[in-house]
Each structure stands twice: as C-alpha cells, then as structure tokens.
Amino acid sequence: MKITVITVGKIKEKYLKDAIAEYQKRLGRYCKLEIVEVADEKTPDNAGETLENQIRRKEGERIAKYLKDDAYIIALAIDGKMLSSEEFADQIQRLGVGGTSHIQFVIGGSIGLDEEILKKADYRLSFSKMTFPHQLMRVILLEQIYRGYRIIANEPYHK
C-alpha cells in the first residue's frame, strides 16, 4: 500500500521533524510513505471570509496538482467522521483488501481546506471537534496510521 500525506506548509520545529522522521521510519515496514508539502499562504489575523476563501482556494489549487484519480482520498476535516483506532485500522485494511493500492490523506493549512478539495475527497475524517495546528496534525495522523498497521498485523501497541 502506498500512503501519501499531502499537507500545507513546512515543519520548522525540530521536535516535530524528529517525531515525523520516527514514524516515517516505523511505517517503512508496513507501507510506502510519501509526504508532499505545498506552500501555505500568509493569513492576516484580521482576514475576512472573502480573503480566507481566496487563501483556501490558492492552497487547494496546489493540493489538487498532487491528487491522483486512482487514489482513495481522505480529507482531514473537523466536520468529518470520527473513528476509533480500531475502526481506522479496519478502514485501511478494507481498502487494501478491496483493491485500493494508494491512499492520500490531505491536511489543510491554518484555516482549513478549500471546498473543492473536500468535494474531491472520498472520505472526510475528523480526529476531534477541537482544532489542532496543522503541523502537529501531521504527527498525530502518522501515529494513527502506524497504530492502524500494528492493529492490522495483530502486533502489540500500547492502548
């Protein structure tokens, strides 16, 4: 299985880079992982709805260039479906058994994903009703993918 994480913005903090590198290493035995970073737009603190929509659209255009027609696209969205780790693992396993060889996860920027990207998604996934920094969300997503593969393989992983 190929897993691609398409994300807006770069990681600057060393501790986040280290965590991402650790999960990339761990996931190497379960899947082919690729992380694609697209440039983010600067969002002023007092940005109105029109400006935020323009920013999401620009970031969305950058994301869209990497979306593959043959991939199963999962957008991370606060209004998405929340799953337990076991349900998440089950979904990954079902997709693989069903013939899906490529899953693309999409993480938006600081103000979320463009509506066009959400429309292209096969599934909307939420990790919480809370908002997380998109940089941290990358670590959380990789940890859950790793946990999912451990569950699928019936390997121990702390609960």
C-alpha atoms as a PDB file:
ATOM      1  CA  MET A   1       0.000   0.000   0.000  1.00  0.00           C
ATOM      2  CA  LYS A   2       1.199   3.482  -0.810  1.00  0.00           C
ATOM      3  CA  ILE A   3       0.250   6.208   1.660  1.00  0.00           C
ATOM      4  CA  THR A   4       0.677   9.842   0.661  1.00  0.00           C
ATOM      5  CA  VAL A   5       0.192  12.680   3.111  1.00  0.00           C
ATOM      6  CA  ILE A   6      -0.405  15.948   1.267  1.00  0.00           C
ATOM      7  CA  THR A   7      -0.058  18.861   3.637  1.00  0.00           C
ATOM      8  CA  VAL A   8       0.017  22.636   3.547  1.00  0.00           C
ATOM      9  CA  GLY A   9       3.114  24.294   4.968  1.00  0.00           C
ATOM     10  CA  LYS A  10       6.530  23.235   6.125  1.00  0.00           C
ATOM     11  CA  ILE A  11       7.577  21.949   9.516  1.00  0.00           C
ATOM     12  CA  LYS A  12      10.003  24.321  11.232  1.00  0.00           C
ATOM     13  CA  GLU A  13      10.155  22.892  14.747  1.00  0.00           C
ATOM     14  CA  LYS A  14      12.855  20.276  15.328  1.00  0.00           C
ATOM     15  CA  TYR A  15      10.777  18.245  17.793  1.00  0.00           C
ATOM     16  CA  LEU A  16       8.004  17.833  15.198  1.00  0.00           C
ATOM     17  CA  LYS A  17      10.517  16.967  12.460  1.00  0.00           C
ATOM     18  CA  ASP A  18      12.009  14.315  14.772  1.00  0.00           C
ATOM     19  CA  ALA A  19       8.595  12.788  15.519  1.00  0.00           C
ATOM     20  CA  ILE A  20       7.676  12.711  11.824  1.00  0.00           C
ATOM     21  CA  ALA A  21      11.005  11.082  10.949  1.00  0.00           C
ATOM     22  CA  GLU A  22      10.452   8.446  13.641  1.00  0.00           C
ATOM     23  CA  TYR A  23       7.008   7.493  12.299  1.00  0.00           C
ATOM     24  CA  GLN A  24       8.315   7.514   8.717  1.00  0.00           C
ATOM     25  CA  LYS A  25      10.955   5.004   9.808  1.00  0.00           C
ATOM     26  CA  ARG A  26       8.458   2.836  11.703  1.00  0.00           C
ATOM     27  CA  LEU A  27       5.956   2.853   8.832  1.00  0.00           C
ATOM     28  CA  GLY A  28       8.606   1.726   6.345  1.00  0.00           C
ATOM     29  CA  ARG A  29       7.925  -1.941   7.118  1.00  0.00           C
ATOM     30  CA  TYR A  30       4.165  -1.606   6.517  1.00  0.00           C
ATOM     31  CA  CYS A  31       3.700   0.740   3.572  1.00  0.00           C
ATOM     32  CA  LYS A  32       5.394   3.076   1.130  1.00  0.00           C
ATOM     33  CA  LEU A  33       5.014   6.518   2.726  1.00  0.00           C
ATOM     34  CA  GLU A  34       5.345   9.804   0.885  1.00  0.00           C
ATOM     35  CA  ILE A  35       4.885  13.275   2.378  1.00  0.00           C
ATOM     36  CA  VAL A  36       4.132  16.130  -0.005  1.00  0.00           C
ATOM     37  CA  GLU A  37       4.322  19.685   1.300  1.00  0.00           C
ATOM     38  CA  VAL A  38       2.664  22.505  -0.625  1.00  0.00           C
ATOM     39  CA  ALA A  39       3.301  26.173   0.126  1.00  0.00           C
ATOM     40  CA  ASP A  40       0.974  27.928   2.519  1.00  0.00           C
ATOM     41  CA  GLU A  41      -0.401  31.428   2.152  1.00  0.00           C
ATOM     42  CA  LYS A  42       0.117  34.032   4.843  1.00  0.00           C
ATOM     43  CA  THR A  43      -3.177  34.677   6.600  1.00  0.00           C
ATOM     44  CA  PRO A  44      -3.534  38.052   8.339  1.00  0.00           C
ATOM     45  CA  ASP A  45      -5.077  37.920  11.809  1.00  0.00           C
ATOM     46  CA  ASN A  46      -7.990  40.101  10.742  1.00  0.00           C
ATOM     47  CA  ALA A  47      -8.680  38.285   7.453  1.00  0.00           C
ATOM     48  CA  GLY A  48     -12.316  38.369   6.430  1.00  0.00           C
ATOM     49  CA  GLU A  49     -14.289  35.499   4.927  1.00  0.00           C
ATOM     50  CA  THR A  50     -13.572  36.598   1.327  1.00  0.00           C
ATOM     51  CA  LEU A  51      -9.807  36.666   1.901  1.00  0.00           C
ATOM     52  CA  GLU A  52      -9.880  33.339   3.751  1.00  0.00           C
ATOM     53  CA  ASN A  53     -11.772  31.764   0.834  1.00  0.00           C
ATOM     54  CA  GLN A  54      -9.151  33.120  -1.599  1.00  0.00           C
ATOM     55  CA  ILE A  55      -6.349  31.705   0.572  1.00  0.00           C
ATOM     56  CA  ARG A  56      -8.047  28.282   0.811  1.00  0.00           C
ATOM     57  CA  ARG A  57      -8.584  28.308  -2.958  1.00  0.00           C
ATOM     58  CA  LYS A  58      -4.890  29.055  -3.667  1.00  0.00           C
ATOM     59  CA  GLU A  59      -3.750  26.324  -1.269  1.00  0.00           C
ATOM     60  CA  GLY A  60      -6.393  23.998  -2.733  1.00  0.00           C
ATOM     61  CA  GLU A  61      -5.054  24.531  -6.257  1.00  0.00           C
ATOM     62  CA  ARG A  62      -1.603  23.495  -5.044  1.00  0.00           C
ATOM     63  CA  ILE A  63      -3.021  20.397  -3.328  1.00  0.00           C
ATOM     64  CA  ALA A  64      -5.120  19.430  -6.373  1.00  0.00           C
ATOM     65  CA  LYS A  65      -1.976  19.052  -8.508  1.00  0.00           C
ATOM     66  CA  TYR A  66      -0.983  16.042  -6.377  1.00  0.00           C
ATOM     67  CA  LEU A  67      -4.343  14.284  -6.117  1.00  0.00           C
ATOM     68  CA  LYS A  68      -4.412  11.059  -8.127  1.00  0.00           C
ATOM     69  CA  ASP A  69      -7.536   9.728  -9.848  1.00  0.00           C
ATOM     70  CA  ASP A  70      -6.709   6.152  -8.821  1.00  0.00           C
ATOM     71  CA  ALA A  71      -6.111   7.020  -5.149  1.00  0.00           C
ATOM     72  CA  TYR A  72      -8.613   6.909  -2.294  1.00  0.00           C
ATOM     73  CA  ILE A  73      -8.614  10.465  -0.922  1.00  0.00           C
ATOM     74  CA  ILE A  74      -9.208  11.108   2.775  1.00  0.00           C
ATOM     75  CA  ALA A  75      -9.529  14.765   3.762  1.00  0.00           C
ATOM     76  CA  LEU A  76      -8.946  15.704   7.378  1.00  0.00           C
ATOM     77  CA  ALA A  77     -11.865  17.941   8.271  1.00  0.00           C
ATOM     78  CA  ILE A  78     -13.390  18.980  11.578  1.00  0.00           C
ATOM     79  CA  ASP A  79     -16.834  18.007  10.220  1.00  0.00           C
ATOM     80  CA  GLY A  80     -15.636  14.562   9.158  1.00  0.00           C
ATOM     81  CA  LYS A  81     -16.425  11.205  10.720  1.00  0.00           C
ATOM     82  CA  MET A  82     -14.629  10.320  13.941  1.00  0.00           C
ATOM     83  CA  LEU A  83     -13.290   6.783  14.192  1.00  0.00           C
ATOM     84  CA  SER A  84     -11.668   4.745  16.922  1.00  0.00           C
ATOM     85  CA  SER A  85      -8.151   3.497  16.203  1.00  0.00           C
ATOM     86  CA  GLU A  86      -9.601   0.028  15.554  1.00  0.00           C
ATOM     87  CA  GLU A  87     -12.189   1.409  13.110  1.00  0.00           C
ATOM     88  CA  PHE A  88      -9.467   3.417  11.362  1.00  0.00           C
ATOM     89  CA  ALA A  89      -7.305   0.273  11.044  1.00  0.00           C
ATOM     90  CA  ASP A  90     -10.316  -1.633   9.727  1.00  0.00           C
ATOM     91  CA  GLN A  91     -10.905   1.015   7.070  1.00  0.00           C
ATOM     92  CA  ILE A  92      -7.271   0.844   5.897  1.00  0.00           C
ATOM     93  CA  GLN A  93      -7.468  -2.942   5.780  1.00  0.00           C
ATOM     94  CA  ARG A  94     -10.816  -2.945   3.908  1.00  0.00           C
ATOM     95  CA  LEU A  95      -9.455  -0.530   1.317  1.00  0.00           C
ATOM     96  CA  GLY A  96      -6.408  -2.746   0.745  1.00  0.00           C
ATOM     97  CA  VAL A  97      -8.459  -5.939   0.504  1.00  0.00           C
ATOM     98  CA  GLY A  98     -10.842  -4.145  -1.862  1.00  0.00           C
ATOM     99  CA  GLY A  99      -8.001  -3.401  -4.265  1.00  0.00           C
ATOM    100  CA  THR A 100      -7.043   0.133  -3.276  1.00  0.00           C
ATOM    101  CA  SER A 101      -3.284   0.429  -3.549  1.00  0.00           C
ATOM    102  CA  HIS A 102      -2.938   4.151  -2.818  1.00  0.00           C
ATOM    103  CA  ILE A 103      -4.469   6.256  -0.031  1.00  0.00           C
ATOM    104  CA  GLN A 104      -3.922  10.002   0.014  1.00  0.00           C
ATOM    105  CA  PHE A 105      -4.519  11.930   3.237  1.00  0.00           C
ATOM    106  CA  VAL A 106      -4.959  15.702   2.884  1.00  0.00           C
ATOM    107  CA  ILE A 107      -4.215  18.131   5.722  1.00  0.00           C
ATOM    108  CA  GLY A 108      -5.193  21.752   5.124  1.00  0.00           C
ATOM    109  CA  GLY A 109      -3.497  24.890   6.309  1.00  0.00           C
ATOM    110  CA  SER A 110      -4.287  27.005   9.336  1.00  0.00           C
ATOM    111  CA  ILE A 111      -7.773  27.912   8.061  1.00  0.00           C
ATOM    112  CA  GLY A 112      -8.704  24.512   6.670  1.00  0.00           C
ATOM    113  CA  LEU A 113      -9.318  23.006   3.241  1.00  0.00           C
ATOM    114  CA  ASP A 114     -10.867  24.523   0.147  1.00  0.00           C
ATOM    115  CA  GLU A 115     -14.381  23.280  -0.630  1.00  0.00           C
ATOM    116  CA  GLU A 116     -13.192  21.891  -3.999  1.00  0.00           C
ATOM    117  CA  ILE A 117     -10.710  19.615  -2.228  1.00  0.00           C
ATOM    118  CA  LEU A 118     -13.401  18.472   0.201  1.00  0.00           C
ATOM    119  CA  LYS A 119     -15.657  17.630  -2.774  1.00  0.00           C
ATOM    120  CA  LYS A 120     -12.902  15.506  -4.374  1.00  0.00           C
ATOM    121  CA  ALA A 121     -12.375  13.537  -1.176  1.00  0.00           C
ATOM    122  CA  ASP A 122     -13.779  10.020  -0.963  1.00  0.00           C
ATOM    123  CA  TYR A 123     -13.974  10.348   2.820  1.00  0.00           C
ATOM    124  CA  ARG A 124     -13.800  13.091   5.449  1.00  0.00           C
ATOM    125  CA  LEU A 125     -12.007  12.124   8.643  1.00  0.00           C
ATOM    126  CA  SER A 126     -12.036  14.059  11.906  1.00  0.00           C
ATOM    127  CA  PHE A 127      -9.727  13.385  14.826  1.00  0.00           C
ATOM    128  CA  SER A 128     -11.643  15.659  17.180  1.00  0.00           C
ATOM    129  CA  LYS A 129     -14.060  18.545  17.383  1.00  0.00           C
ATOM    130  CA  MET A 130     -11.022  20.501  18.587  1.00  0.00           C
ATOM    131  CA  THR A 131      -8.757  22.400  16.222  1.00  0.00           C
ATOM    132  CA  PHE A 132      -5.104  21.329  16.062  1.00  0.00           C
ATOM    133  CA  PRO A 133      -2.145  23.095  14.438  1.00  0.00           C
ATOM    134  CA  HIS A 134      -1.679  21.517  11.012  1.00  0.00           C
ATOM    135  CA  GLN A 135       1.980  20.810  11.811  1.00  0.00           C
ATOM    136  CA  LEU A 136       1.012  18.772  14.876  1.00  0.00           C
ATOM    137  CA  MET A 137      -1.801  17.088  12.949  1.00  0.00           C
ATOM    138  CA  ARG A 138       0.807  15.539  10.665  1.00  0.00           C
ATOM    139  CA  VAL A 139       2.413  13.792  13.662  1.00  0.00           C
ATOM    140  CA  ILE A 140      -0.969  12.669  15.018  1.00  0.00           C
ATOM    141  CA  LEU A 141      -2.006  11.286  11.613  1.00  0.00           C
ATOM    142  CA  LEU A 142       1.266   9.371  11.142  1.00  0.00           C
ATOM    143  CA  GLU A 143       0.969   7.921  14.648  1.00  0.00           C
ATOM    144  CA  GLN A 144      -2.567   6.702  13.912  1.00  0.00           C
ATOM    145  CA  ILE A 145      -1.546   5.184  10.571  1.00  0.00           C
ATOM    146  CA  TYR A 146       1.274   3.371  12.386  1.00  0.00           C
ATOM    147  CA  ARG A 147      -1.097   2.259  15.149  1.00  0.00           C
ATOM    148  CA  GLY A 148      -3.533   1.082  12.461  1.00  0.00           C
ATOM    149  CA  TYR A 149      -0.934  -1.111  10.799  1.00  0.00           C
ATOM    150  CA  ARG A 150       0.073  -2.561  14.178  1.00  0.00           C
ATOM    151  CA  ILE A 151      -3.585  -3.420  14.846  1.00  0.00           C
ATOM    152  CA  ILE A 152      -3.978  -4.974  11.375  1.00  0.00           C
ATOM    153  CA  ALA A 153      -0.866  -7.125  11.963  1.00  0.00           C
ATOM    154  CA  ASN A 154      -2.107  -8.169  15.435  1.00  0.00           C
ATOM    155  CA  GLU A 155       1.073  -6.715  16.894  1.00  0.00           C
ATOM    156  CA  PRO A 156       1.140  -5.227  20.392  1.00  0.00           C
ATOM    157  CA  TYR A 157       0.855  -1.486  20.725  1.00  0.00           C
ATOM    158  CA  HIS A 158       0.026   0.393  23.892  1.00  0.00           C
ATOM    159  CA  LYS A 159      -3.599   1.416  24.272  1.00  0.00           C
END
